[in-house]
Amino acid sequence: MITSLTPNAQAERESQWIELRTRLDSIASLLRTQGVLDRKHQKGRWVWRVRYTDKVNARRRTIYIGTDPELARRVQELLNHYREQQRWAEQTEVLVKLALYGGVRFGRGCLTPSRRRRAAHTAKANGQASLGKQRR
């Protein structure tokens, strides 16, 4: 159902959204791994809220969104965005570990130079001539 809002109502919604966004951004690190948007029946109407646990005090916290379904939709999109950032961070960490330690199976790390190149570089740094490949 599409409803058109008066300019005052639209401005009110936008100011509420800015305030909510600021509050949610301040606890984004918590909301990346936990928290939920849900509804509660309160005083004869449905009210949207974000619930999460404050890790410092180990207490359940609530941020009330209100009755506007558009604000609830925006909050859900923001929560999804936070969680997507967390997934990217976790996947990046796994890929870095794979790049660093994946070559161990082949006898050395992928990002570690070979013994010969490492010896040549050390010799060059010490001012010695590189012996190169020795033949028997």
Protein backbone atom coordinates (compact mmCIF):
# COMPACT_ATOMS: atom_id res chain seq x y z
CA MET A 1 0.00 0.00 0.00
CA ILE A 2 1.53 3.28 -1.11
CA THR A 3 0.72 6.32 0.96
CA SER A 4 1.87 9.81 0.18
CA LEU A 5 3.15 11.81 3.11
CA THR A 6 2.86 15.51 3.62
CA PRO A 7 6.16 17.42 3.45
CA ASN A 8 6.07 17.85 7.25
CA ALA A 9 5.53 14.13 7.81
CA GLN A 10 8.33 13.30 5.36
CA ALA A 11 10.69 15.70 7.14
CA GLU A 12 9.72 14.14 10.48
CA ARG A 13 10.47 10.65 9.14
CA GLU A 14 13.85 11.76 7.80
CA SER A 15 14.83 13.39 11.10
CA GLN A 16 13.82 10.20 12.95
CA TRP A 17 15.88 8.16 10.49
CA ILE A 18 18.96 10.36 11.02
CA GLU A 19 18.62 9.96 14.78
CA LEU A 20 18.14 6.18 14.52
CA ARG A 21 21.04 5.82 12.10
CA THR A 22 23.33 7.71 14.47
CA ARG A 23 22.35 5.50 17.41
CA LEU A 24 22.73 2.31 15.40
CA ASP A 25 26.07 3.38 13.94
CA SER A 26 27.38 3.95 17.46
CA ILE A 27 26.80 0.27 18.28
CA ALA A 28 27.54 -1.13 14.82
CA SER A 29 30.32 -3.36 16.15
CA LEU A 30 27.76 -5.16 18.36
CA LEU A 31 25.11 -5.35 15.66
CA ARG A 32 27.47 -7.06 13.19
CA THR A 33 27.24 -10.31 15.14
CA GLN A 34 24.01 -10.03 17.12
CA GLY A 35 20.79 -8.11 17.52
CA VAL A 36 17.37 -8.44 15.97
CA LEU A 37 14.60 -6.22 14.64
CA ASP A 38 11.23 -7.33 15.99
CA ARG A 39 7.75 -6.08 16.82
CA LYS A 40 6.01 -5.81 20.13
CA HIS A 41 2.35 -5.19 20.79
CA GLN A 42 2.32 -2.19 23.10
CA LYS A 43 -0.66 -0.07 24.13
CA GLY A 44 -2.89 -1.43 21.41
CA ARG A 45 -0.45 -1.06 18.49
CA TRP A 46 2.60 -2.78 17.02
CA VAL A 47 5.92 -1.09 17.77
CA TRP A 48 9.19 -1.94 16.00
CA ARG A 49 12.40 -2.23 18.04
CA VAL A 50 15.99 -3.42 17.82
CA ARG A 51 17.11 -5.71 20.63
CA TYR A 52 20.73 -6.56 21.39
CA THR A 53 22.96 -7.51 24.33
CA ASP A 54 25.43 -5.01 25.72
CA LYS A 55 28.58 -7.07 26.21
CA VAL A 56 30.06 -4.75 28.83
CA ASN A 57 27.16 -5.01 31.26
CA ALA A 58 25.75 -8.28 29.87
CA ARG A 59 22.33 -6.64 29.73
CA ARG A 60 19.64 -6.79 27.12
CA ARG A 61 19.17 -3.39 25.43
CA THR A 62 16.37 -2.05 23.24
CA ILE A 63 16.21 0.79 20.74
CA TYR A 64 12.64 1.68 19.84
CA ILE A 65 11.98 2.39 16.17
CA GLY A 66 8.32 3.28 16.37
CA THR A 67 5.28 2.30 14.33
CA ASP A 68 6.51 3.44 10.90
CA PRO A 69 7.10 0.37 8.68
CA GLU A 70 9.36 2.42 6.36
CA LEU A 71 11.74 3.15 9.24
CA ALA A 72 11.67 -0.53 10.18
CA ARG A 73 12.55 -1.47 6.59
CA ARG A 74 15.49 0.96 6.60
CA VAL A 75 16.73 -0.38 9.92
CA GLN A 76 16.57 -3.95 8.61
CA GLU A 77 18.58 -2.94 5.54
CA LEU A 78 21.16 -1.28 7.80
CA LEU A 79 21.42 -4.41 9.98
CA ASN A 80 21.90 -6.49 6.83
CA HIS A 81 24.65 -4.10 5.73
CA TYR A 82 26.46 -4.45 9.07
CA ARG A 83 26.30 -8.24 8.85
CA GLU A 84 27.54 -8.22 5.27
CA GLN A 85 30.57 -6.20 6.41
CA GLN A 86 31.22 -8.83 9.09
CA ARG A 87 31.01 -11.65 6.54
CA TRP A 88 33.46 -9.84 4.26
CA ALA A 89 35.89 -9.40 7.15
CA GLU A 90 35.66 -13.08 8.08
CA GLN A 91 36.09 -14.23 4.48
CA THR A 92 39.06 -11.91 3.99
CA GLU A 93 40.71 -13.34 7.08
CA VAL A 94 40.25 -16.87 5.77
CA LEU A 95 41.70 -15.93 2.37
CA VAL A 96 44.73 -14.26 3.96
CA LYS A 97 45.39 -17.37 6.04
CA LEU A 98 45.03 -19.51 2.95
CA ALA A 99 47.51 -17.33 1.06
CA LEU A 100 50.02 -17.32 3.91
CA TYR A 101 49.82 -20.93 4.97
CA GLY A 102 48.47 -22.67 1.91
CA GLY A 103 51.92 -23.16 0.45
CA VAL A 104 53.10 -25.12 3.48
CA ARG A 105 51.78 -28.21 1.76
CA PHE A 106 54.35 -27.64 -0.99
CA GLY A 107 57.28 -27.23 1.37
CA ARG A 108 57.16 -23.49 1.96
CA GLY A 109 54.73 -20.63 2.39
CA CYS A 110 53.38 -19.05 -0.78
CA LEU A 111 54.70 -15.64 0.14
CA THR A 112 58.11 -16.87 1.33
CA PRO A 113 60.98 -16.60 -1.17
CA SER A 114 62.88 -19.75 -2.06
CA ARG A 115 66.07 -20.61 -0.17
CA ARG A 116 68.23 -19.81 -3.17
CA ARG A 117 66.71 -16.35 -3.68
CA ARG A 118 66.81 -15.69 0.05
CA ALA A 119 70.54 -16.69 0.19
CA ALA A 120 71.33 -14.54 -2.85
CA HIS A 121 69.51 -11.58 -1.34
CA THR A 122 71.32 -12.03 1.99
CA ALA A 123 74.69 -12.31 0.23
CA LYS A 124 73.97 -9.21 -1.84
CA ALA A 125 72.94 -7.28 1.28
CA ASN A 126 76.18 -8.31 3.02
CA GLY A 127 78.27 -7.21 0.03
CA GLN A 128 79.29 -10.71 -0.99
CA ALA A 129 79.16 -12.04 -4.53
CA SER A 130 76.37 -14.42 -5.28
CA LEU A 131 77.59 -17.93 -5.92
CA GLY A 132 74.69 -18.78 -8.15
CA LYS A 133 73.99 -22.38 -9.04
CA GLN A 134 76.92 -24.61 -8.19
CA ARG A 135 77.70 -27.50 -10.49
CA ARG A 136 79.36 -30.72 -9.52
